[in-house]
Amino acid sequence: LGIQGGRQDQYAAAFGGINFMEFKRSETL
């Protein structure tokens, strides 16, 4: 869709809760 943005929203919605997220080029924890 070409919508600019980051990665945190998708992972927050999928997992739920209070999270500390770590991002690399091809990996998210």
mmCIF file of all heavy atoms, coordinates in Angstrom:
data_MODEL
# 
_entry.id   MODEL 
# 
loop_
_atom_site.group_PDB 
_atom_site.id 
_atom_site.type_symbol 
_atom_site.label_atom_id 
_atom_site.label_alt_id 
_atom_site.label_comp_id 
_atom_site.label_asym_id 
_atom_site.label_entity_id 
_atom_site.label_seq_id 
_atom_site.pdbx_PDB_ins_code 
_atom_site.Cartn_x 
_atom_site.Cartn_y 
_atom_site.Cartn_z 
_atom_site.occupancy 
_atom_site.B_iso_or_equiv 
_atom_site.pdbx_formal_charge 
_atom_site.auth_seq_id 
_atom_site.auth_comp_id 
_atom_site.auth_asym_id 
_atom_site.auth_atom_id 
_atom_site.pdbx_PDB_model_num 
ATOM 1   N N   . LEU A 1 1  ? 0.808  -1.221  0.000  1.00 0.00 ? 1  LEU A N   1 
ATOM 2   C CA  . LEU A 1 1  ? 0.000  0.000   0.000  1.00 0.00 ? 1  LEU A CA  1 
ATOM 3   C C   . LEU A 1 1  ? 0.840  1.270   0.000  1.00 0.00 ? 1  LEU A C   1 
ATOM 4   O O   . LEU A 1 1  ? 0.308  2.358   -0.228 1.00 0.00 ? 1  LEU A O   1 
ATOM 5   C CB  . LEU A 1 1  ? -0.932 0.004   1.223  1.00 0.00 ? 1  LEU A CB  1 
ATOM 6   C CG  . LEU A 1 1  ? -1.989 -1.104  1.249  1.00 0.00 ? 1  LEU A CG  1 
ATOM 7   C CD1 . LEU A 1 1  ? -2.746 -1.084  2.568  1.00 0.00 ? 1  LEU A CD1 1 
ATOM 8   C CD2 . LEU A 1 1  ? -2.961 -0.954  0.083  1.00 0.00 ? 1  LEU A CD2 1 
ATOM 9   N N   . GLY A 1 2  ? 2.128  1.141   0.254  1.00 0.00 ? 2  GLY A N   1 
ATOM 10  C CA  . GLY A 1 2  ? 3.016  2.304   0.201  1.00 0.00 ? 2  GLY A CA  1 
ATOM 11  C C   . GLY A 1 2  ? 2.804  3.308   1.314  1.00 0.00 ? 2  GLY A C   1 
ATOM 12  O O   . GLY A 1 2  ? 3.075  4.501   1.154  1.00 0.00 ? 2  GLY A O   1 
ATOM 13  N N   . ILE A 1 3  ? 2.324  2.853   2.482  1.00 0.00 ? 3  ILE A N   1 
ATOM 14  C CA  . ILE A 1 3  ? 2.108  3.733   3.628  1.00 0.00 ? 3  ILE A CA  1 
ATOM 15  C C   . ILE A 1 3  ? 3.390  3.768   4.459  1.00 0.00 ? 3  ILE A C   1 
ATOM 16  O O   . ILE A 1 3  ? 3.845  2.738   4.944  1.00 0.00 ? 3  ILE A O   1 
ATOM 17  C CB  . ILE A 1 3  ? 0.933  3.239   4.495  1.00 0.00 ? 3  ILE A CB  1 
ATOM 18  C CG1 . ILE A 1 3  ? -0.340 3.153   3.659  1.00 0.00 ? 3  ILE A CG1 1 
ATOM 19  C CG2 . ILE A 1 3  ? 0.724  4.164   5.691  1.00 0.00 ? 3  ILE A CG2 1 
ATOM 20  C CD1 . ILE A 1 3  ? -1.496 2.474   4.383  1.00 0.00 ? 3  ILE A CD1 1 
ATOM 21  N N   . GLN A 1 4  ? 3.951  4.944   4.638  1.00 0.00 ? 4  GLN A N   1 
ATOM 22  C CA  . GLN A 1 4  ? 5.189  5.054   5.407  1.00 0.00 ? 4  GLN A CA  1 
ATOM 23  C C   . GLN A 1 4  ? 4.918  4.859   6.892  1.00 0.00 ? 4  GLN A C   1 
ATOM 24  O O   . GLN A 1 4  ? 3.873  5.241   7.408  1.00 0.00 ? 4  GLN A O   1 
ATOM 25  C CB  . GLN A 1 4  ? 5.850  6.412   5.170  1.00 0.00 ? 4  GLN A CB  1 
ATOM 26  C CG  . GLN A 1 4  ? 6.370  6.597   3.762  1.00 0.00 ? 4  GLN A CG  1 
ATOM 27  C CD  . GLN A 1 4  ? 7.595  7.482   3.724  1.00 0.00 ? 4  GLN A CD  1 
ATOM 28  O OE1 . GLN A 1 4  ? 8.519  7.336   4.512  1.00 0.00 ? 4  GLN A OE1 1 
ATOM 29  N NE2 . GLN A 1 4  ? 7.602  8.416   2.785  1.00 0.00 ? 4  GLN A NE2 1 
ATOM 30  N N   . GLY A 1 5  ? 5.879  4.271   7.587  1.00 0.00 ? 5  GLY A N   1 
ATOM 31  C CA  . GLY A 1 5  ? 5.733  4.066   9.022  1.00 0.00 ? 5  GLY A CA  1 
ATOM 32  C C   . GLY A 1 5  ? 6.717  3.050   9.541  1.00 0.00 ? 5  GLY A C   1 
ATOM 33  O O   . GLY A 1 5  ? 7.539  2.494   8.794  1.00 0.00 ? 5  GLY A O   1 
ATOM 34  N N   . GLY A 1 6  ? 6.617  2.790   10.834 1.00 0.00 ? 6  GLY A N   1 
ATOM 35  C CA  . GLY A 1 6  ? 7.517  1.849   11.478 1.00 0.00 ? 6  GLY A CA  1 
ATOM 36  C C   . GLY A 1 6  ? 6.895  0.483   11.669 1.00 0.00 ? 6  GLY A C   1 
ATOM 37  O O   . GLY A 1 6  ? 5.916  0.119   11.006 1.00 0.00 ? 6  GLY A O   1 
ATOM 38  N N   . ARG A 1 7  ? 7.473  -0.264  12.629 1.00 0.00 ? 7  ARG A N   1 
ATOM 39  C CA  . ARG A 1 7  ? 7.071  -1.646  12.833 1.00 0.00 ? 7  ARG A CA  1 
ATOM 40  C C   . ARG A 1 7  ? 6.342  -1.894  14.146 1.00 0.00 ? 7  ARG A C   1 
ATOM 41  O O   . ARG A 1 7  ? 5.751  -2.954  14.340 1.00 0.00 ? 7  ARG A O   1 
ATOM 42  C CB  . ARG A 1 7  ? 8.317  -2.548  12.823 1.00 0.00 ? 7  ARG A CB  1 
ATOM 43  C CG  . ARG A 1 7  ? 8.709  -3.037  11.450 1.00 0.00 ? 7  ARG A CG  1 
ATOM 44  C CD  . ARG A 1 7  ? 9.788  -4.099  11.601 1.00 0.00 ? 7  ARG A CD  1 
ATOM 45  N NE  . ARG A 1 7  ? 11.065 -3.617  11.141 1.00 0.00 ? 7  ARG A NE  1 
ATOM 46  C CZ  . ARG A 1 7  ? 12.221 -4.213  11.392 1.00 0.00 ? 7  ARG A CZ  1 
ATOM 47  N NH1 . ARG A 1 7  ? 12.258 -5.294  12.141 1.00 0.00 ? 7  ARG A NH1 1 
ATOM 48  N NH2 . ARG A 1 7  ? 13.346 -3.718  10.915 1.00 0.00 ? 7  ARG A NH2 1 
ATOM 49  N N   . GLN A 1 8  ? 6.404  -0.948  15.078 1.00 0.00 ? 8  GLN A N   1 
ATOM 50  C CA  . GLN A 1 8  ? 5.904  -1.257  16.415 1.00 0.00 ? 8  GLN A CA  1 
ATOM 51  C C   . GLN A 1 8  ? 4.405  -1.532  16.459 1.00 0.00 ? 8  GLN A C   1 
ATOM 52  O O   . GLN A 1 8  ? 3.942  -2.384  17.227 1.00 0.00 ? 8  GLN A O   1 
ATOM 53  C CB  . GLN A 1 8  ? 6.251  -0.141  17.390 1.00 0.00 ? 8  GLN A CB  1 
ATOM 54  C CG  . GLN A 1 8  ? 5.578  1.192   17.119 1.00 0.00 ? 8  GLN A CG  1 
ATOM 55  C CD  . GLN A 1 8  ? 5.587  2.095   18.355 1.00 0.00 ? 8  GLN A CD  1 
ATOM 56  O OE1 . GLN A 1 8  ? 5.249  1.666   19.452 1.00 0.00 ? 8  GLN A OE1 1 
ATOM 57  N NE2 . GLN A 1 8  ? 6.010  3.340   18.168 1.00 0.00 ? 8  GLN A NE2 1 
ATOM 58  N N   . ASP A 1 9  ? 3.620  -0.836  15.645 1.00 0.00 ? 9  ASP A N   1 
ATOM 59  C CA  . ASP A 1 9  ? 2.162  -0.940  15.744 1.00 0.00 ? 9  ASP A CA  1 
ATOM 60  C C   . ASP A 1 9  ? 1.665  -2.343  15.441 1.00 0.00 ? 9  ASP A C   1 
ATOM 61  O O   . ASP A 1 9  ? 0.770  -2.868  16.118 1.00 0.00 ? 9  ASP A O   1 
ATOM 62  C CB  . ASP A 1 9  ? 1.491  0.056   14.788 1.00 0.00 ? 9  ASP A CB  1 
ATOM 63  C CG  . ASP A 1 9  ? 1.797  1.491   15.131 1.00 0.00 ? 9  ASP A CG  1 
ATOM 64  O OD1 . ASP A 1 9  ? 2.401  1.739   16.202 1.00 0.00 ? 9  ASP A OD1 1 
ATOM 65  O OD2 . ASP A 1 9  ? 1.452  2.374   14.332 1.00 0.00 ? 9  ASP A OD2 1 
ATOM 66  N N   . GLN A 1 10 ? 2.212  -2.961  14.408 1.00 0.00 ? 10 GLN A N   1 
ATOM 67  C CA  . GLN A 1 10 ? 1.756  -4.298  14.010 1.00 0.00 ? 10 GLN A CA  1 
ATOM 68  C C   . GLN A 1 10 ? 2.049  -5.322  15.108 1.00 0.00 ? 10 GLN A C   1 
ATOM 69  O O   . GLN A 1 10 ? 1.208  -6.176  15.412 1.00 0.00 ? 10 GLN A O   1 
ATOM 70  C CB  . GLN A 1 10 ? 2.430  -4.728  12.701 1.00 0.00 ? 10 GLN A CB  1 
ATOM 71  C CG  . GLN A 1 10 ? 2.071  -3.884  11.488 1.00 0.00 ? 10 GLN A CG  1 
ATOM 72  C CD  . GLN A 1 10 ? 2.953  -2.656  11.344 1.00 0.00 ? 10 GLN A CD  1 
ATOM 73  O OE1 . GLN A 1 10 ? 3.816  -2.381  12.185 1.00 0.00 ? 10 GLN A OE1 1 
ATOM 74  N NE2 . GLN A 1 10 ? 2.748  -1.908  10.266 1.00 0.00 ? 10 GLN A NE2 1 
ATOM 75  N N   . TYR A 1 11 ? 3.230  -5.227  15.695 1.00 0.00 ? 11 TYR A N   1 
ATOM 76  C CA  . TYR A 1 11 ? 3.609  -6.197  16.714 1.00 0.00 ? 11 TYR A CA  1 
ATOM 77  C C   . TYR A 1 11 ? 2.862  -5.957  18.021 1.00 0.00 ? 11 TYR A C   1 
ATOM 78  O O   . TYR A 1 11 ? 2.495  -6.911  18.722 1.00 0.00 ? 11 TYR A O   1 
ATOM 79  C CB  . TYR A 1 11 ? 5.128  -6.177  16.924 1.00 0.00 ? 11 TYR A CB  1 
ATOM 80  C CG  . TYR A 1 11 ? 5.862  -6.803  15.759 1.00 0.00 ? 11 TYR A CG  1 
ATOM 81  C CD1 . TYR A 1 11 ? 6.190  -6.052  14.633 1.00 0.00 ? 11 TYR A CD1 1 
ATOM 82  C CD2 . TYR A 1 11 ? 6.180  -8.158  15.749 1.00 0.00 ? 11 TYR A CD2 1 
ATOM 83  C CE1 . TYR A 1 11 ? 6.833  -6.634  13.539 1.00 0.00 ? 11 TYR A CE1 1 
ATOM 84  C CE2 . TYR A 1 11 ? 6.824  -8.749  14.676 1.00 0.00 ? 11 TYR A CE2 1 
ATOM 85  C CZ  . TYR A 1 11 ? 7.146  -7.982  13.562 1.00 0.00 ? 11 TYR A CZ  1 
ATOM 86  O OH  . TYR A 1 11 ? 7.766  -8.560  12.483 1.00 0.00 ? 11 TYR A OH  1 
ATOM 87  N N   . ALA A 1 12 ? 2.604  -4.692  18.364 1.00 0.00 ? 12 ALA A N   1 
ATOM 88  C CA  . ALA A 1 12 ? 1.811  -4.396  19.555 1.00 0.00 ? 12 ALA A CA  1 
ATOM 89  C C   . ALA A 1 12 ? 0.415  -4.985  19.426 1.00 0.00 ? 12 ALA A C   1 
ATOM 90  O O   . ALA A 1 12 ? -0.103 -5.635  20.346 1.00 0.00 ? 12 ALA A O   1 
ATOM 91  C CB  . ALA A 1 12 ? 1.737  -2.885  19.769 1.00 0.00 ? 12 ALA A CB  1 
ATOM 92  N N   . ALA A 1 13 ? -0.217 -4.780  18.262 1.00 0.00 ? 13 ALA A N   1 
ATOM 93  C CA  . ALA A 1 13 ? -1.576 -5.269  18.051 1.00 0.00 ? 13 ALA A CA  1 
ATOM 94  C C   . ALA A 1 13 ? -1.631 -6.795  18.042 1.00 0.00 ? 13 ALA A C   1 
ATOM 95  O O   . ALA A 1 13 ? -2.601 -7.396  18.505 1.00 0.00 ? 13 ALA A O   1 
ATOM 96  C CB  . ALA A 1 13 ? -2.131 -4.720  16.744 1.00 0.00 ? 13 ALA A CB  1 
ATOM 97  N N   . ALA A 1 14 ? -0.612 -7.429  17.499 1.00 0.00 ? 14 ALA A N   1 
ATOM 98  C CA  . ALA A 1 14 ? -0.598 -8.888  17.427 1.00 0.00 ? 14 ALA A CA  1 
ATOM 99  C C   . ALA A 1 14 ? -0.382 -9.528  18.801 1.00 0.00 ? 14 ALA A C   1 
ATOM 100 O O   . ALA A 1 14 ? -1.032 -10.517 19.143 1.00 0.00 ? 14 ALA A O   1 
ATOM 101 C CB  . ALA A 1 14 ? 0.480  -9.357  16.463 1.00 0.00 ? 14 ALA A CB  1 
ATOM 102 N N   . PHE A 1 15 ? 0.518  -8.947  19.597 1.00 0.00 ? 15 PHE A N   1 
ATOM 103 C CA  . PHE A 1 15 ? 0.906  -9.578  20.857 1.00 0.00 ? 15 PHE A CA  1 
ATOM 104 C C   . PHE A 1 15 ? 0.121  -9.045  22.056 1.00 0.00 ? 15 PHE A C   1 
ATOM 105 O O   . PHE A 1 15 ? -0.214 -9.803  22.970 1.00 0.00 ? 15 PHE A O   1 
ATOM 106 C CB  . PHE A 1 15 ? 2.402  -9.391  21.101 1.00 0.00 ? 15 PHE A CB  1 
ATOM 107 C CG  . PHE A 1 15 ? 3.263  -10.303 20.283 1.00 0.00 ? 15 PHE A CG  1 
ATOM 108 C CD1 . PHE A 1 15 ? 3.634  -9.965  18.988 1.00 0.00 ? 15 PHE A CD1 1 
ATOM 109 C CD2 . PHE A 1 15 ? 3.690  -11.517 20.785 1.00 0.00 ? 15 PHE A CD2 1 
ATOM 110 C CE1 . PHE A 1 15 ? 4.426  -10.809 18.221 1.00 0.00 ? 15 PHE A CE1 1 
ATOM 111 C CE2 . PHE A 1 15 ? 4.478  -12.379 20.034 1.00 0.00 ? 15 PHE A CE2 1 
ATOM 112 C CZ  . PHE A 1 15 ? 4.842  -12.021 18.743 1.00 0.00 ? 15 PHE A CZ  1 
ATOM 113 N N   . GLY A 1 16 ? -0.150 -7.743  22.108 1.00 0.00 ? 16 GLY A N   1 
ATOM 114 C CA  . GLY A 1 16 ? -0.817 -7.148  23.251 1.00 0.00 ? 16 GLY A CA  1 
ATOM 115 C C   . GLY A 1 16 ? 0.088  -7.059  24.463 1.00 0.00 ? 16 GLY A C   1 
ATOM 116 O O   . GLY A 1 16 ? 1.176  -7.642  24.508 1.00 0.00 ? 16 GLY A O   1 
ATOM 117 N N   . GLY A 1 17 ? -0.340 -6.280  25.467 1.00 0.00 ? 17 GLY A N   1 
ATOM 118 C CA  . GLY A 1 17 ? 0.407  -6.147  26.711 1.00 0.00 ? 17 GLY A CA  1 
ATOM 119 C C   . GLY A 1 17 ? 1.380  -4.985  26.694 1.00 0.00 ? 17 GLY A C   1 
ATOM 120 O O   . GLY A 1 17 ? 1.390  -4.158  25.773 1.00 0.00 ? 17 GLY A O   1 
ATOM 121 N N   . ILE A 1 18 ? 2.206  -4.925  27.726 1.00 0.00 ? 18 ILE A N   1 
ATOM 122 C CA  . ILE A 1 18 ? 3.273  -3.930  27.825 1.00 0.00 ? 18 ILE A CA  1 
ATOM 123 C C   . ILE A 1 18 ? 4.557  -4.608  27.371 1.00 0.00 ? 18 ILE A C   1 
ATOM 124 O O   . ILE A 1 18 ? 4.988  -5.595  27.970 1.00 0.00 ? 18 ILE A O   1 
ATOM 125 C CB  . ILE A 1 18 ? 3.411  -3.395  29.259 1.00 0.00 ? 18 ILE A CB  1 
ATOM 126 C CG1 . ILE A 1 18 ? 2.097  -2.757  29.714 1.00 0.00 ? 18 ILE A CG1 1 
ATOM 127 C CG2 . ILE A 1 18 ? 4.546  -2.376  29.344 1.00 0.00 ? 18 ILE A CG2 1 
ATOM 128 C CD1 . ILE A 1 18 ? 2.106  -2.258  31.157 1.00 0.00 ? 18 ILE A CD1 1 
ATOM 129 N N   . ASN A 1 19 ? 5.162  -4.088  26.311 1.00 0.00 ? 19 ASN A N   1 
ATOM 130 C CA  . ASN A 1 19 ? 6.289  -4.769  25.676 1.00 0.00 ? 19 ASN A CA  1 
ATOM 131 C C   . ASN A 1 19 ? 7.456  -3.835  25.415 1.00 0.00 ? 19 ASN A C   1 
ATOM 132 O O   . ASN A 1 19 ? 7.273  -2.647  25.136 1.00 0.00 ? 19 ASN A O   1 
ATOM 133 C CB  . ASN A 1 19 ? 5.853  -5.375  24.330 1.00 0.00 ? 19 ASN A CB  1 
ATOM 134 C CG  . ASN A 1 19 ? 4.829  -6.475  24.490 1.00 0.00 ? 19 ASN A CG  1 
ATOM 135 O OD1 . ASN A 1 19 ? 5.111  -7.506  25.078 1.00 0.00 ? 19 ASN A OD1 1 
ATOM 136 N ND2 . ASN A 1 19 ? 3.633  -6.250  23.968 1.00 0.00 ? 19 ASN A ND2 1 
ATOM 137 N N   . PHE A 1 20 ? 8.637  -4.412  25.512 1.00 0.00 ? 20 PHE A N   1 
ATOM 138 C CA  . PHE A 1 20 ? 9.852  -3.763  25.036 1.00 0.00 ? 20 PHE A CA  1 
ATOM 139 C C   . PHE A 1 20 ? 10.242 -4.492  23.753 1.00 0.00 ? 20 PHE A C   1 
ATOM 140 O O   . PHE A 1 20 ? 10.500 -5.690  23.775 1.00 0.00 ? 20 PHE A O   1 
ATOM 141 C CB  . PHE A 1 20 ? 10.969 -3.861  26.073 1.00 0.00 ? 20 PHE A CB  1 
ATOM 142 C CG  . PHE A 1 20 ? 12.241 -3.177  25.652 1.00 0.00 ? 20 PHE A CG  1 
ATOM 143 C CD1 . PHE A 1 20 ? 12.356 -1.803  25.699 1.00 0.00 ? 20 PHE A CD1 1 
ATOM 144 C CD2 . PHE A 1 20 ? 13.327 -3.919  25.197 1.00 0.00 ? 20 PHE A CD2 1 
ATOM 145 C CE1 . PHE A 1 20 ? 13.522 -1.157  25.312 1.00 0.00 ? 20 PHE A CE1 1 
ATOM 146 C CE2 . PHE A 1 20 ? 14.498 -3.297  24.806 1.00 0.00 ? 20 PHE A CE2 1 
ATOM 147 C CZ  . PHE A 1 20 ? 14.592 -1.903  24.861 1.00 0.00 ? 20 PHE A CZ  1 
ATOM 148 N N   . MET A 1 21 ? 10.247 -3.761  22.641 1.00 0.00 ? 21 MET A N   1 
ATOM 149 C CA  . MET A 1 21 ? 10.483 -4.366  21.336 1.00 0.00 ? 21 MET A CA  1 
ATOM 150 C C   . MET A 1 21 ? 11.845 -3.961  20.793 1.00 0.00 ? 21 MET A C   1 
ATOM 151 O O   . MET A 1 21 ? 12.228 -2.791  20.887 1.00 0.00 ? 21 MET A O   1 
ATOM 152 C CB  . MET A 1 21 ? 9.392  -3.945  20.347 1.00 0.00 ? 21 MET A CB  1 
ATOM 153 C CG  . MET A 1 21 ? 8.003  -4.334  20.782 1.00 0.00 ? 21 MET A CG  1 
ATOM 154 S SD  . MET A 1 21 ? 6.755  -3.834  19.569 1.00 0.00 ? 21 MET A SD  1 
ATOM 155 C CE  . MET A 1 21 ? 5.270  -4.420  20.388 1.00 0.00 ? 21 MET A CE  1 
ATOM 156 N N   . GLU A 1 22 ? 12.534 -4.924  20.232 1.00 0.00 ? 22 GLU A N   1 
ATOM 157 C CA  . GLU A 1 22 ? 13.847 -4.675  19.632 1.00 0.00 ? 22 GLU A CA  1 
ATOM 158 C C   . GLU A 1 22 ? 13.763 -4.960  18.141 1.00 0.00 ? 22 GLU A C   1 
ATOM 159 O O   . GLU A 1 22 ? 13.242 -6.007  17.724 1.00 0.00 ? 22 GLU A O   1 
ATOM 160 C CB  . GLU A 1 22 ? 14.898 -5.563  20.285 1.00 0.00 ? 22 GLU A CB  1 
ATOM 161 C CG  . GLU A 1 22 ? 15.059 -5.317  21.780 1.00 0.00 ? 22 GLU A CG  1 
ATOM 162 C CD  . GLU A 1 22 ? 16.003 -6.314  22.424 1.00 0.00 ? 22 GLU A CD  1 
ATOM 163 O OE1 . GLU A 1 22 ? 17.220 -6.044  22.433 1.00 0.00 ? 22 GLU A OE1 1 
ATOM 164 O OE2 . GLU A 1 22 ? 15.519 -7.369  22.892 1.00 0.00 ? 22 GLU A OE2 1 
ATOM 165 N N   . PHE A 1 23 ? 14.285 -4.033  17.354 1.00 0.00 ? 23 PHE A N   1 
ATOM 166 C CA  . PHE A 1 23 ? 14.185 -4.130  15.900 1.00 0.00 ? 23 PHE A CA  1 
ATOM 167 C C   . PHE A 1 23 ? 15.572 -4.129  15.263 1.00 0.00 ? 23 PHE A C   1 
ATOM 168 O O   . PHE A 1 23 ? 16.427 -3.317  15.617 1.00 0.00 ? 23 PHE A O   1 
ATOM 169 C CB  . PHE A 1 23 ? 13.388 -2.955  15.331 1.00 0.00 ? 23 PHE A CB  1 
ATOM 170 C CG  . PHE A 1 23 ? 12.020 -2.798  15.936 1.00 0.00 ? 23 PHE A CG  1 
ATOM 171 C CD1 . PHE A 1 23 ? 11.805 -1.903  16.965 1.00 0.00 ? 23 PHE A CD1 1 
ATOM 172 C CD2 . PHE A 1 23 ? 10.957 -3.551  15.473 1.00 0.00 ? 23 PHE A CD2 1 
ATOM 173 C CE1 . PHE A 1 23 ? 10.548 -1.746  17.528 1.00 0.00 ? 23 PHE A CE1 1 
ATOM 174 C CE2 . PHE A 1 23 ? 9.691  -3.415  16.022 1.00 0.00 ? 23 PHE A CE2 1 
ATOM 175 C CZ  . PHE A 1 23 ? 9.492  -2.504  17.057 1.00 0.00 ? 23 PHE A CZ  1 
ATOM 176 N N   . LYS A 1 24 ? 15.770 -5.030  14.315 1.00 0.00 ? 24 LYS A N   1 
ATOM 177 C CA  . LYS A 1 24 ? 16.940 -5.022  13.444 1.00 0.00 ? 24 LYS A CA  1 
ATOM 178 C C   . LYS A 1 24 ? 16.433 -5.017  12.009 1.00 0.00 ? 24 LYS A C   1 
ATOM 179 O O   . LYS A 1 24 ? 15.224 -5.033  11.768 1.00 0.00 ? 24 LYS A O   1 
ATOM 180 C CB  . LYS A 1 24 ? 17.821 -6.232  13.726 1.00 0.00 ? 24 LYS A CB  1 
ATOM 181 C CG  . LYS A 1 24 ? 18.388 -6.239  15.145 1.00 0.00 ? 24 LYS A CG  1 
ATOM 182 C CD  . LYS A 1 24 ? 19.251 -7.450  15.397 1.00 0.00 ? 24 LYS A CD  1 
ATOM 183 C CE  . LYS A 1 24 ? 19.775 -7.443  16.842 1.00 0.00 ? 24 LYS A CE  1 
ATOM 184 N NZ  . LYS A 1 24 ? 20.604 -8.644  17.138 1.00 0.00 ? 24 LYS A NZ  1 
ATOM 185 N N   . ARG A 1 25 ? 17.338 -5.004  11.068 1.00 0.00 ? 25 ARG A N   1 
ATOM 186 C CA  . ARG A 1 25 ? 16.926 -4.912  9.666  1.00 0.00 ? 25 ARG A CA  1 
ATOM 187 C C   . ARG A 1 25 ? 15.902 -5.981  9.292  1.00 0.00 ? 25 ARG A C   1 
ATOM 188 O O   . ARG A 1 25 ? 14.892 -5.694  8.651  1.00 0.00 ? 25 ARG A O   1 
ATOM 189 C CB  . ARG A 1 25 ? 18.157 -5.037  8.757  1.00 0.00 ? 25 ARG A CB  1 
ATOM 190 C CG  . ARG A 1 25 ? 17.803 -5.028  7.259  1.00 0.00 ? 25 ARG A CG  1 
ATOM 191 C CD  . ARG A 1 25 ? 19.019 -5.330  6.419  1.00 0.00 ? 25 ARG A CD  1 
ATOM 192 N NE  . ARG A 1 25 ? 19.968 -4.240  6.454  1.00 0.00 ? 25 ARG A NE  1 
ATOM 193 C CZ  . ARG A 1 25 ? 19.965 -3.210  5.616  1.00 0.00 ? 25 ARG A CZ  1 
ATOM 194 N NH1 . ARG A 1 25 ? 19.017 -3.109  4.696  1.00 0.00 ? 25 ARG A NH1 1 
ATOM 195 N NH2 . ARG A 1 25 ? 20.881 -2.273  5.706  1.00 0.00 ? 25 ARG A NH2 1 
ATOM 196 N N   . SER A 1 26 ? 16.124 -7.211  9.700  1.00 0.00 ? 26 SER A N   1 
ATOM 197 C CA  . SER A 1 26 ? 15.242 -8.307  9.273  1.00 0.00 ? 26 SER A CA  1 
ATOM 198 C C   . SER A 1 26 ? 14.720 -9.114  10.453 1.00 0.00 ? 26 SER A C   1 
ATOM 199 O O   . SER A 1 26 ? 14.275 -10.251 10.277 1.00 0.00 ? 26 SER A O   1 
ATOM 200 C CB  . SER A 1 26 ? 15.982 -9.233  8.296  1.00 0.00 ? 26 SER A CB  1 
ATOM 201 O OG  . SER A 1 26 ? 17.156 -9.747  8.893  1.00 0.00 ? 26 SER A OG  1 
ATOM 202 N N   . GLU A 1 27 ? 14.742 -8.539  11.640 1.00 0.00 ? 27 GLU A N   1 
ATOM 203 C CA  . GLU A 1 27 ? 14.312 -9.298  12.814 1.00 0.00 ? 27 GLU A CA  1 
ATOM 204 C C   . GLU A 1 27 ? 13.647 -8.373  13.816 1.00 0.00 ? 27 GLU A C   1 
ATOM 205 O O   . GLU A 1 27 ? 14.069 -7.246  14.023 1.00 0.00 ? 27 GLU A O   1 
ATOM 206 C CB  . GLU A 1 27 ? 15.514 -9.999  13.458 1.00 0.00 ? 27 GLU A CB  1 
ATOM 207 C CG  . GLU A 1 27 ? 15.159 -10.849 14.659 1.00 0.00 ? 27 GLU A CG  1 
ATOM 208 C CD  . GLU A 1 27 ? 16.389 -11.505 15.270 1.00 0.00 ? 27 GLU A CD  1 
ATOM 209 O OE1 . GLU A 1 27 ? 17.314 -10.770 15.693 1.00 0.00 ? 27 GLU A OE1 1 
ATOM 210 O OE2 . GLU A 1 27 ? 16.425 -12.741 15.330 1.00 0.00 ? 27 GLU A OE2 1 
ATOM 211 N N   . THR A 1 28 ? 12.592 -8.883  14.432 1.00 0.00 ? 28 THR A N   1 
ATOM 212 C CA  . THR A 1 28 ? 11.910 -8.163  15.504 1.00 0.00 ? 28 THR A CA  1 
ATOM 213 C C   . THR A 1 28 ? 11.736 -9.104  16.683 1.00 0.00 ? 28 THR A C   1 
ATOM 214 O O   . THR A 1 28 ? 11.302 -10.252 16.510 1.00 0.00 ? 28 THR A O   1 
ATOM 215 C CB  . THR A 1 28 ? 10.530 -7.664  15.039 1.00 0.00 ? 28 THR A CB  1 
ATOM 216 O OG1 . THR A 1 28 ? 10.685 -6.767  13.952 1.00 0.00 ? 28 THR A OG1 1 
ATOM 217 C CG2 . THR A 1 28 ? 9.807  -6.942  16.175 1.00 0.00 ? 28 THR A CG2 1 
ATOM 218 N N   . LEU A 1 29 ? 12.069 -8.630  17.878 1.00 0.00 ? 29 LEU A N   1 
ATOM 219 C CA  . LEU A 1 29 ? 11.880 -9.406  19.093 1.00 0.00 ? 29 LEU A CA  1 
ATOM 220 C C   . LEU A 1 29 ? 10.920 -8.652  20.009 1.00 0.00 ? 29 LEU A C   1 
ATOM 221 O O   . LEU A 1 29 ? 11.131 -7.474  20.308 1.00 0.00 ? 29 LEU A O   1 
ATOM 222 C CB  . LEU A 1 29 ? 13.216 -9.629  19.814 1.00 0.00 ? 29 LEU A CB  1 
ATOM 223 C CG  . LEU A 1 29 ? 14.246 -10.516 19.100 1.00 0.00 ? 29 LEU A CG  1 
ATOM 224 C CD1 . LEU A 1 29 ? 15.537 -10.566 19.901 1.00 0.00 ? 29 LEU A CD1 1 
ATOM 225 C CD2 . LEU A 1 29 ? 13.687 -11.922 18.890 1.00 0.00 ? 29 LEU A CD2 1 
# 
